[in-house]
Amino acid sequence: MLIALNKPYGVLSQFTDRSIPPKPTLADFGLPKDVYAAGRLDHDSEGLLLLTDDGGLAHRLTDPRHKQPKTYWVQVEGEPGEELLQALRRGVRLNDGPTLPAQAERIDAPALWPRYPPVRFRKTVPDAWLAITISEGRNRQVRRMTAAVGLPTLRLVRVAIGPHRLGDLPTGQWRAL
């Protein structure tokens, strides 16, 4: 079984939480029993999260040796010129080593669901949207990559993992694939 969930902002990619106060978890979405997240999506990131009851499939989706491409729509603070996009495309040096090259392009602001709380709007600071595809899965990698080139991430939405797409799945909803 393979399930796509449009994970909302502020939800943990796990079924339990021991923090005080507790945060929303995957247990809040009426998912079938015996599925678990194939990979992670940070608490402050949104979008496509795959869940499965098949350990082999989870391994193929998440193991870095399989290099499944993951595509994100990223709202960044600043103006991403061609030089900054080329830096992302070449790979960025992070504190845990260089990243593999990414696909990166500027896109028009996508039609997305509202985020709660909304992204802080500042009249004097421009923002832009990028589509970034990576084939690694380091902790907070896209956020760290954009920050390394001077474009802090404001909002991050995963829209694809390998051949699996988020499509028009509403936030907080899931579907069997």
N, C-alpha and C. Protein backbone atom coordinates (compact mmCIF):
# COMPACT_ATOMS: atom_id res chain seq x y z
N MET A 1 0.85 -1.17 0.00
CA MET A 1 0.00 0.00 0.00
C MET A 1 0.90 1.23 0.00
N LEU A 2 0.56 2.22 -0.83
CA LEU A 2 1.28 3.48 -0.88
C LEU A 2 0.26 4.61 -0.81
N ILE A 3 0.50 5.54 0.08
CA ILE A 3 -0.42 6.64 0.33
C ILE A 3 0.31 7.96 0.17
N ALA A 4 -0.36 8.93 -0.46
CA ALA A 4 0.14 10.30 -0.55
C ALA A 4 -0.67 11.15 0.42
N LEU A 5 0.02 11.87 1.29
CA LEU A 5 -0.60 12.81 2.22
C LEU A 5 -0.08 14.20 1.90
N ASN A 6 -0.96 15.18 1.87
CA ASN A 6 -0.54 16.57 1.77
C ASN A 6 -0.39 17.07 3.21
N LYS A 7 0.83 16.96 3.73
CA LYS A 7 1.11 17.29 5.11
C LYS A 7 1.03 18.80 5.33
N PRO A 8 0.20 19.23 6.26
CA PRO A 8 0.12 20.66 6.54
C PRO A 8 1.34 21.16 7.31
N TYR A 9 1.53 22.45 7.27
CA TYR A 9 2.54 23.13 8.08
C TYR A 9 2.28 22.84 9.55
N GLY A 10 3.32 22.59 10.31
CA GLY A 10 3.18 22.42 11.75
C GLY A 10 2.88 21.01 12.21
N VAL A 11 2.82 20.04 11.29
CA VAL A 11 2.53 18.65 11.64
C VAL A 11 3.83 17.86 11.60
N LEU A 12 4.04 17.02 12.61
CA LEU A 12 5.21 16.16 12.64
C LEU A 12 5.02 14.97 11.69
N SER A 13 6.09 14.51 11.07
CA SER A 13 6.04 13.36 10.15
C SER A 13 6.18 12.04 10.91
N GLN A 14 5.46 11.93 12.01
CA GLN A 14 5.47 10.72 12.84
C GLN A 14 4.11 10.59 13.50
N PHE A 15 3.87 9.44 14.11
CA PHE A 15 2.55 9.19 14.68
C PHE A 15 2.44 9.53 16.16
N THR A 16 3.55 9.76 16.83
CA THR A 16 3.51 10.11 18.25
C THR A 16 4.38 11.32 18.51
N ASP A 17 4.09 12.01 19.59
CA ASP A 17 4.87 13.16 20.00
C ASP A 17 4.86 13.22 21.52
N ARG A 18 6.02 13.34 22.10
CA ARG A 18 6.14 13.38 23.56
C ARG A 18 6.41 14.79 24.07
N SER A 19 6.42 15.79 23.19
CA SER A 19 6.73 17.15 23.64
C SER A 19 5.55 17.76 24.39
N ILE A 20 5.85 18.78 25.16
CA ILE A 20 4.81 19.49 25.91
C ILE A 20 4.92 20.95 25.53
N PRO A 21 3.88 21.56 24.97
CA PRO A 21 2.63 20.92 24.59
C PRO A 21 2.83 20.06 23.34
N PRO A 22 2.00 19.02 23.18
CA PRO A 22 2.16 18.14 22.02
C PRO A 22 1.84 18.86 20.71
N LYS A 23 2.53 18.44 19.66
CA LYS A 23 2.31 18.98 18.32
C LYS A 23 1.40 18.01 17.55
N PRO A 24 0.71 18.50 16.53
CA PRO A 24 -0.08 17.59 15.68
C PRO A 24 0.84 16.56 15.02
N THR A 25 0.32 15.34 14.85
CA THR A 25 1.09 14.25 14.25
C THR A 25 0.27 13.59 13.15
N LEU A 26 0.86 12.59 12.51
CA LEU A 26 0.16 11.84 11.46
C LEU A 26 -1.04 11.08 12.01
N ALA A 27 -1.08 10.83 13.31
CA ALA A 27 -2.21 10.13 13.92
C ALA A 27 -3.50 10.93 13.81
N ASP A 28 -3.41 12.20 13.49
CA ASP A 28 -4.58 13.07 13.41
C ASP A 28 -5.30 13.03 12.06
N PHE A 29 -4.87 12.18 11.12
CA PHE A 29 -5.39 12.24 9.76
C PHE A 29 -6.17 11.02 9.31
N GLY A 30 -6.49 10.10 10.20
CA GLY A 30 -7.30 8.93 9.84
C GLY A 30 -6.66 8.02 8.83
N LEU A 31 -5.35 7.90 8.90
CA LEU A 31 -4.62 7.03 7.97
C LEU A 31 -4.85 5.56 8.31
N PRO A 32 -4.72 4.67 7.33
CA PRO A 32 -4.87 3.23 7.61
C PRO A 32 -3.84 2.76 8.63
N LYS A 33 -4.17 1.70 9.33
CA LYS A 33 -3.25 1.11 10.30
C LYS A 33 -2.03 0.52 9.58
N ASP A 34 -0.94 0.46 10.29
CA ASP A 34 0.29 -0.20 9.85
C ASP A 34 1.00 0.48 8.70
N VAL A 35 0.73 1.76 8.44
CA VAL A 35 1.54 2.51 7.48
C VAL A 35 2.48 3.42 8.27
N TYR A 36 3.58 3.75 7.65
CA TYR A 36 4.52 4.67 8.28
C TYR A 36 5.13 5.54 7.18
N ALA A 37 5.66 6.68 7.60
CA ALA A 37 6.21 7.63 6.65
C ALA A 37 7.45 7.07 5.98
N ALA A 38 7.50 7.17 4.68
CA ALA A 38 8.68 6.80 3.90
C ALA A 38 9.47 8.09 3.69
N GLY A 39 10.31 8.40 4.66
CA GLY A 39 11.06 9.64 4.64
C GLY A 39 10.45 10.65 5.60
N ARG A 40 11.01 11.84 5.57
CA ARG A 40 10.57 12.89 6.49
C ARG A 40 10.19 14.14 5.71
N LEU A 41 9.43 14.97 6.38
CA LEU A 41 9.16 16.32 5.92
C LEU A 41 9.09 17.13 7.20
N ASP A 42 9.96 18.11 7.32
CA ASP A 42 10.08 18.86 8.56
C ASP A 42 8.75 19.43 9.03
N HIS A 43 8.69 19.66 10.32
CA HIS A 43 7.53 20.27 10.99
C HIS A 43 7.08 21.53 10.28
N ASP A 44 8.04 22.36 9.83
CA ASP A 44 7.70 23.64 9.22
C ASP A 44 7.70 23.59 7.69
N SER A 45 7.64 22.39 7.13
CA SER A 45 7.50 22.21 5.68
C SER A 45 6.16 21.55 5.38
N GLU A 46 5.70 21.72 4.16
CA GLU A 46 4.37 21.23 3.76
C GLU A 46 4.50 20.36 2.53
N GLY A 47 3.39 19.69 2.20
CA GLY A 47 3.32 19.01 0.92
C GLY A 47 3.38 17.51 0.99
N LEU A 48 3.88 16.92 -0.09
CA LEU A 48 3.81 15.49 -0.31
C LEU A 48 4.63 14.70 0.70
N LEU A 49 3.95 13.82 1.41
CA LEU A 49 4.58 12.84 2.29
C LEU A 49 4.03 11.49 1.88
N LEU A 50 4.91 10.54 1.57
CA LEU A 50 4.47 9.20 1.20
C LEU A 50 4.50 8.31 2.43
N LEU A 51 3.48 7.47 2.55
CA LEU A 51 3.39 6.50 3.63
C LEU A 51 3.15 5.12 3.02
N THR A 52 3.70 4.10 3.68
CA THR A 52 3.56 2.75 3.14
C THR A 52 3.61 1.72 4.25
N ASP A 53 3.13 0.53 3.94
CA ASP A 53 3.27 -0.62 4.84
C ASP A 53 4.30 -1.60 4.28
N ASP A 54 5.02 -1.20 3.23
CA ASP A 54 5.98 -2.05 2.52
C ASP A 54 7.39 -1.54 2.79
N GLY A 55 8.15 -2.27 3.62
CA GLY A 55 9.50 -1.85 3.97
C GLY A 55 10.43 -1.74 2.78
N GLY A 56 10.31 -2.66 1.83
CA GLY A 56 11.15 -2.60 0.63
C GLY A 56 10.87 -1.36 -0.19
N LEU A 57 9.61 -1.03 -0.35
CA LEU A 57 9.25 0.18 -1.09
C LEU A 57 9.75 1.42 -0.35
N ALA A 58 9.58 1.45 0.95
CA ALA A 58 10.07 2.59 1.74
C ALA A 58 11.57 2.76 1.53
N HIS A 59 12.30 1.66 1.51
CA HIS A 59 13.75 1.71 1.30
C HIS A 59 14.08 2.29 -0.07
N ARG A 60 13.37 1.82 -1.10
CA ARG A 60 13.63 2.32 -2.46
C ARG A 60 13.30 3.80 -2.59
N LEU A 61 12.32 4.28 -1.85
CA LEU A 61 11.93 5.69 -1.92
C LEU A 61 12.87 6.60 -1.15
N THR A 62 13.50 6.07 -0.08
CA THR A 62 14.24 6.95 0.82
C THR A 62 15.74 6.76 0.84
N ASP A 63 16.25 5.59 0.49
CA ASP A 63 17.68 5.35 0.58
C ASP A 63 18.42 6.23 -0.42
N PRO A 64 19.42 7.00 0.05
CA PRO A 64 20.15 7.91 -0.84
C PRO A 64 20.78 7.22 -2.05
N ARG A 65 21.09 5.92 -1.94
CA ARG A 65 21.69 5.22 -3.08
C ARG A 65 20.74 5.14 -4.27
N HIS A 66 19.43 5.24 -4.02
CA HIS A 66 18.45 5.17 -5.11
C HIS A 66 18.20 6.53 -5.75
N LYS A 67 18.67 7.60 -5.10
CA LYS A 67 18.64 8.96 -5.65
C LYS A 67 17.28 9.34 -6.25
N GLN A 68 16.21 9.08 -5.51
CA GLN A 68 14.88 9.49 -5.96
C GLN A 68 14.83 11.03 -5.98
N PRO A 69 14.52 11.64 -7.11
CA PRO A 69 14.44 13.10 -7.13
C PRO A 69 13.24 13.58 -6.32
N LYS A 70 13.45 14.65 -5.58
CA LYS A 70 12.39 15.28 -4.79
C LYS A 70 12.31 16.73 -5.23
N THR A 71 11.10 17.17 -5.60
CA THR A 71 10.91 18.53 -6.10
C THR A 71 10.15 19.35 -5.08
N TYR A 72 10.64 20.56 -4.86
CA TYR A 72 10.06 21.49 -3.89
C TYR A 72 9.77 22.82 -4.56
N TRP A 73 8.67 23.44 -4.16
CA TRP A 73 8.43 24.84 -4.49
C TRP A 73 8.83 25.61 -3.25
N VAL A 74 9.72 26.57 -3.45
CA VAL A 74 10.34 27.26 -2.33
C VAL A 74 10.16 28.77 -2.47
N GLN A 75 9.51 29.36 -1.48
CA GLN A 75 9.41 30.82 -1.43
C GLN A 75 10.63 31.31 -0.67
N VAL A 76 11.41 32.17 -1.31
CA VAL A 76 12.64 32.67 -0.70
C VAL A 76 12.57 34.18 -0.53
N GLU A 77 13.32 34.65 0.43
CA GLU A 77 13.47 36.08 0.65
C GLU A 77 14.63 36.55 -0.21
N GLY A 78 14.38 37.56 -1.03
CA GLY A 78 15.42 38.10 -1.89
C GLY A 78 15.11 37.90 -3.35
N GLU A 79 16.04 38.36 -4.19
CA GLU A 79 15.91 38.29 -5.64
C GLU A 79 16.89 37.25 -6.19
N PRO A 80 16.42 36.11 -6.62
CA PRO A 80 17.34 35.07 -7.12
C PRO A 80 17.76 35.34 -8.56
N GLY A 81 18.93 35.92 -8.72
CA GLY A 81 19.47 36.14 -10.05
C GLY A 81 20.08 34.86 -10.60
N GLU A 82 20.49 34.92 -11.85
CA GLU A 82 21.05 33.74 -12.52
C GLU A 82 22.28 33.21 -11.80
N GLU A 83 23.09 34.08 -11.23
CA GLU A 83 24.30 33.64 -10.52
C GLU A 83 23.95 32.77 -9.31
N LEU A 84 22.92 33.15 -8.56
CA LEU A 84 22.51 32.37 -7.39
C LEU A 84 21.88 31.04 -7.82
N LEU A 85 21.09 31.07 -8.89
CA LEU A 85 20.52 29.83 -9.41
C LEU A 85 21.61 28.88 -9.89
N GLN A 86 22.63 29.42 -10.54
CA GLN A 86 23.75 28.58 -10.99
C GLN A 86 24.49 27.97 -9.81
N ALA A 87 24.61 28.71 -8.73
CA ALA A 87 25.26 28.16 -7.53
C ALA A 87 24.49 26.94 -7.02
N LEU A 88 23.16 27.03 -6.98
CA LEU A 88 22.34 25.88 -6.57
C LEU A 88 22.51 24.72 -7.55
N ARG A 89 22.57 25.04 -8.83
CA ARG A 89 22.71 24.00 -9.86
C ARG A 89 24.05 23.29 -9.80
N ARG A 90 25.10 23.99 -9.37
CA ARG A 90 26.43 23.37 -9.26
C ARG A 90 26.55 22.52 -8.00
N GLY A 91 25.75 22.84 -6.99
CA GLY A 91 25.90 22.21 -5.68
C GLY A 91 26.46 23.24 -4.72
N VAL A 92 26.06 23.15 -3.48
CA VAL A 92 26.40 24.15 -2.48
C VAL A 92 27.21 23.48 -1.38
N ARG A 93 28.22 24.17 -0.87
CA ARG A 93 28.98 23.63 0.26
C ARG A 93 28.24 23.96 1.55
N LEU A 94 27.85 22.90 2.28
CA LEU A 94 27.20 23.04 3.57
C LEU A 94 28.17 22.59 4.66
N ASN A 95 27.80 22.78 5.92
CA ASN A 95 28.71 22.41 7.01
C ASN A 95 28.98 20.90 7.06
N ASP A 96 28.12 20.09 6.44
CA ASP A 96 28.35 18.64 6.40
C ASP A 96 28.82 18.18 5.02
N GLY A 97 29.38 19.11 4.25
CA GLY A 97 29.96 18.78 2.95
C GLY A 97 29.15 19.33 1.79
N PRO A 98 29.69 19.18 0.59
CA PRO A 98 29.01 19.73 -0.59
C PRO A 98 27.78 18.89 -0.95
N THR A 99 26.77 19.58 -1.49
CA THR A 99 25.58 18.89 -1.97
C THR A 99 25.82 18.47 -3.42
N LEU A 100 25.03 17.53 -3.87
CA LEU A 100 25.02 17.21 -5.29
C LEU A 100 24.36 18.36 -6.03
N PRO A 101 24.64 18.51 -7.31
CA PRO A 101 23.95 19.56 -8.07
C PRO A 101 22.43 19.39 -8.00
N ALA A 102 21.75 20.52 -8.01
CA ALA A 102 20.28 20.53 -7.97
C ALA A 102 19.76 21.14 -9.26
N GLN A 103 18.52 20.83 -9.58
CA GLN A 103 17.84 21.58 -10.62
C GLN A 103 17.18 22.76 -9.91
N ALA A 104 17.34 23.95 -10.44
CA ALA A 104 16.77 25.14 -9.80
C ALA A 104 16.35 26.14 -10.86
N GLU A 105 15.11 26.59 -10.75
CA GLU A 105 14.62 27.61 -11.66
C GLU A 105 13.62 28.49 -10.94
N ARG A 106 13.53 29.70 -11.40
CA ARG A 106 12.53 30.62 -10.85
C ARG A 106 11.17 30.29 -11.46
N ILE A 107 10.12 30.34 -10.64
CA ILE A 107 8.77 30.06 -11.12
C ILE A 107 7.84 31.17 -10.64
N ASP A 108 6.69 31.28 -11.30
CA ASP A 108 5.65 32.18 -10.82
C ASP A 108 5.10 31.64 -9.51
N ALA A 109 4.58 32.52 -8.68
CA ALA A 109 4.00 32.09 -7.41
C ALA A 109 2.91 31.06 -7.68
N PRO A 110 3.02 29.85 -7.11
CA PRO A 110 2.01 28.82 -7.37
C PRO A 110 0.72 29.11 -6.62
N ALA A 111 -0.37 28.56 -7.13
CA ALA A 111 -1.67 28.68 -6.46
C ALA A 111 -1.70 27.61 -5.36
N LEU A 112 -1.47 28.02 -4.14
CA LEU A 112 -1.43 27.10 -3.00
C LEU A 112 -2.51 27.44 -2.00
N TRP A 113 -2.79 26.51 -1.12
CA TRP A 113 -3.70 26.71 0.00
C TRP A 113 -3.08 27.74 0.95
N PRO A 114 -3.89 28.42 1.74
CA PRO A 114 -3.33 29.34 2.73
C PRO A 114 -2.54 28.57 3.79
N ARG A 115 -1.50 29.18 4.29
CA ARG A 115 -0.72 28.56 5.36
C ARG A 115 -1.05 29.26 6.67
N TYR A 116 -1.20 28.46 7.72
CA TYR A 116 -1.47 29.01 9.06
C TYR A 116 -0.35 28.59 10.00
N PRO A 117 0.37 29.55 10.59
CA PRO A 117 0.25 30.99 10.38
C PRO A 117 0.81 31.36 9.01
N PRO A 118 0.34 32.48 8.46
CA PRO A 118 0.84 32.88 7.14
C PRO A 118 2.31 33.29 7.20
N VAL A 119 2.97 33.25 6.04
CA VAL A 119 4.34 33.73 5.93
C VAL A 119 4.32 35.24 6.17
N ARG A 120 5.26 35.70 6.97
CA ARG A 120 5.35 37.13 7.28
C ARG A 120 5.64 37.91 6.00
N PHE A 121 4.85 38.92 5.74
CA PHE A 121 5.01 39.76 4.55
C PHE A 121 5.74 41.04 4.95
N ARG A 122 6.77 41.40 4.19
CA ARG A 122 7.50 42.64 4.45
C ARG A 122 7.54 43.45 3.16
N LYS A 123 7.00 44.67 3.21
CA LYS A 123 6.92 45.52 2.02
C LYS A 123 8.29 45.83 1.43
N THR A 124 9.29 45.95 2.29
CA THR A 124 10.60 46.41 1.82
C THR A 124 11.54 45.27 1.41
N VAL A 125 11.11 44.02 1.60
CA VAL A 125 11.97 42.89 1.25
C VAL A 125 11.28 42.06 0.17
N PRO A 126 11.89 41.95 -1.01
CA PRO A 126 11.25 41.15 -2.07
C PRO A 126 11.33 39.66 -1.75
N ASP A 127 10.41 38.93 -2.36
CA ASP A 127 10.48 37.47 -2.27
C ASP A 127 10.21 36.90 -3.65
N ALA A 128 10.55 35.62 -3.81
CA ALA A 128 10.39 34.95 -5.11
C ALA A 128 10.16 33.48 -4.85
N TRP A 129 9.69 32.78 -5.88
CA TRP A 129 9.46 31.33 -5.80
C TRP A 129 10.45 30.62 -6.72
N LEU A 130 10.96 29.49 -6.22
CA LEU A 130 11.85 28.64 -6.99
C LEU A 130 11.28 27.23 -7.02
N ALA A 131 11.59 26.50 -8.08
CA ALA A 131 11.38 25.06 -8.12
C ALA A 131 12.77 24.45 -8.00
N ILE A 132 12.96 23.64 -6.95
CA ILE A 132 14.27 23.02 -6.71
C ILE A 132 14.07 21.51 -6.62
N THR A 133 14.87 20.78 -7.39
CA THR A 133 14.84 19.32 -7.35
C THR A 133 16.20 18.82 -6.89
N ILE A 134 16.17 17.99 -5.84
CA ILE A 134 17.39 17.40 -5.30
C ILE A 134 17.26 15.87 -5.34
N SER A 135 18.39 15.19 -5.27
CA SER A 135 18.35 13.72 -5.25
C SER A 135 19.03 13.18 -4.00
N GLU A 136 19.22 14.03 -3.02
CA GLU A 136 19.71 13.62 -1.71
C GLU A 136 18.58 13.86 -0.73
N GLY A 137 18.83 13.63 0.52
CA GLY A 137 17.80 13.88 1.52
C GLY A 137 18.39 14.25 2.86
N ARG A 138 19.32 15.18 2.87
CA ARG A 138 19.92 15.59 4.13
C ARG A 138 18.92 16.39 4.96
N ASN A 139 19.18 16.44 6.24
CA ASN A 139 18.31 17.18 7.15
C ASN A 139 18.21 18.65 6.72
N ARG A 140 17.01 19.11 6.48
CA ARG A 140 16.71 20.51 6.12
C ARG A 140 17.57 21.00 4.95
N GLN A 141 17.85 20.12 4.02
CA GLN A 141 18.80 20.41 2.95
C GLN A 141 18.41 21.60 2.09
N VAL A 142 17.18 21.66 1.61
CA VAL A 142 16.80 22.75 0.72
C VAL A 142 16.89 24.09 1.46
N ARG A 143 16.43 24.14 2.69
CA ARG A 143 16.53 25.37 3.49
C ARG A 143 17.98 25.79 3.66
N ARG A 144 18.85 24.82 3.93
CA ARG A 144 20.26 25.16 4.13
C ARG A 144 20.92 25.59 2.81
N MET A 145 20.50 24.98 1.70
CA MET A 145 21.06 25.36 0.40
C MET A 145 20.67 26.79 0.03
N THR A 146 19.39 27.12 0.18
CA THR A 146 18.97 28.49 -0.19
C THR A 146 19.63 29.51 0.74
N ALA A 147 19.75 29.19 2.02
CA ALA A 147 20.41 30.11 2.95
C ALA A 147 21.87 30.31 2.57
N ALA A 148 22.53 29.23 2.13
CA ALA A 148 23.96 29.31 1.78
C ALA A 148 24.22 30.25 0.61
N VAL A 149 23.22 30.42 -0.27
CA VAL A 149 23.40 31.34 -1.40
C VAL A 149 22.75 32.70 -1.13
N GLY A 150 22.31 32.93 0.11
CA GLY A 150 21.77 34.24 0.47
C GLY A 150 20.29 34.42 0.22
N LEU A 151 19.54 33.30 0.12
CA LEU A 151 18.10 33.37 -0.14
C LEU A 151 17.37 32.56 0.95
N PRO A 152 17.16 33.12 2.13
CA PRO A 152 16.50 32.35 3.19
C PRO A 152 15.11 31.87 2.76
N THR A 153 14.77 30.65 3.14
CA THR A 153 13.48 30.06 2.80
C THR A 153 12.39 30.60 3.71
N LEU A 154 11.29 31.03 3.10
CA LEU A 154 10.12 31.49 3.83
C LEU A 154 9.05 30.40 3.89
N ARG A 155 8.88 29.67 2.82
CA ARG A 155 7.88 28.60 2.75
C ARG A 155 8.43 27.51 1.84
N LEU A 156 8.22 26.24 2.25
CA LEU A 156 8.74 25.13 1.48
C LEU A 156 7.65 24.08 1.34
N VAL A 157 7.33 23.73 0.09
CA VAL A 157 6.27 22.76 -0.22
C VAL A 157 6.85 21.69 -1.14
N ARG A 158 6.84 20.43 -0.67
CA ARG A 158 7.31 19.34 -1.54
C ARG A 158 6.16 18.96 -2.46
N VAL A 159 6.43 18.90 -3.76
CA VAL A 159 5.38 18.61 -4.74
C VAL A 159 5.59 17.29 -5.47
N ALA A 160 6.77 16.67 -5.33
CA ALA A 160 7.00 15.39 -6.01
C ALA A 160 8.12 14.61 -5.35
N ILE A 161 7.97 13.29 -5.36
CA ILE A 161 9.02 12.35 -4.97
C ILE A 161 9.04 11.31 -6.08
N GLY A 162 10.14 11.26 -6.83
CA GLY A 162 10.21 10.35 -7.96
C GLY A 162 9.02 10.58 -8.88
N PRO A 163 8.28 9.52 -9.24
CA PRO A 163 7.15 9.69 -10.15
C PRO A 163 5.85 10.12 -9.44
N HIS A 164 5.89 10.23 -8.13
CA HIS A 164 4.67 10.53 -7.36
C HIS A 164 4.53 12.03 -7.19
N ARG A 165 3.34 12.54 -7.55
CA ARG A 165 3.07 13.99 -7.53
C ARG A 165 1.98 14.32 -6.52
N LEU A 166 2.10 15.52 -5.94
CA LEU A 166 1.08 16.01 -5.02
C LEU A 166 -0.21 16.33 -5.77
N GLY A 167 -0.07 16.93 -6.94
CA GLY A 167 -1.24 17.29 -7.74
C GLY A 167 -2.17 18.21 -6.99
N ASP A 168 -3.47 17.96 -7.10
CA ASP A 168 -4.46 18.86 -6.48
C ASP A 168 -4.97 18.33 -5.13
N LEU A 169 -4.20 17.46 -4.49
CA LEU A 169 -4.59 16.92 -3.20
C LEU A 169 -4.64 18.05 -2.17
N PRO A 170 -5.80 18.28 -1.54
CA PRO A 170 -5.92 19.38 -0.57
C PRO A 170 -5.06 19.14 0.67
N THR A 171 -4.64 20.20 1.29
CA THR A 171 -3.84 20.09 2.50
C THR A 171 -4.62 19.34 3.59
N GLY A 172 -3.92 18.43 4.27
CA GLY A 172 -4.54 17.63 5.31
C GLY A 172 -5.28 16.42 4.81
N GLN A 173 -5.30 16.18 3.51
CA GLN A 173 -6.00 15.03 2.92
C GLN A 173 -5.00 14.01 2.40
N TRP A 174 -5.45 12.78 2.22
CA TRP A 174 -4.61 11.73 1.69
C TRP A 174 -5.37 10.91 0.67
N ARG A 175 -4.61 10.19 -0.17
CA ARG A 175 -5.20 9.28 -1.15
C ARG A 175 -4.26 8.10 -1.34
N ALA A 176 -4.85 6.95 -1.63
CA ALA A 176 -4.07 5.76 -1.95
C ALA A 176 -3.56 5.91 -3.38
N LEU A 177 -2.32 5.50 -3.60
CA LEU A 177 -1.73 5.57 -4.94
C LEU A 177 -1.75 4.18 -5.57
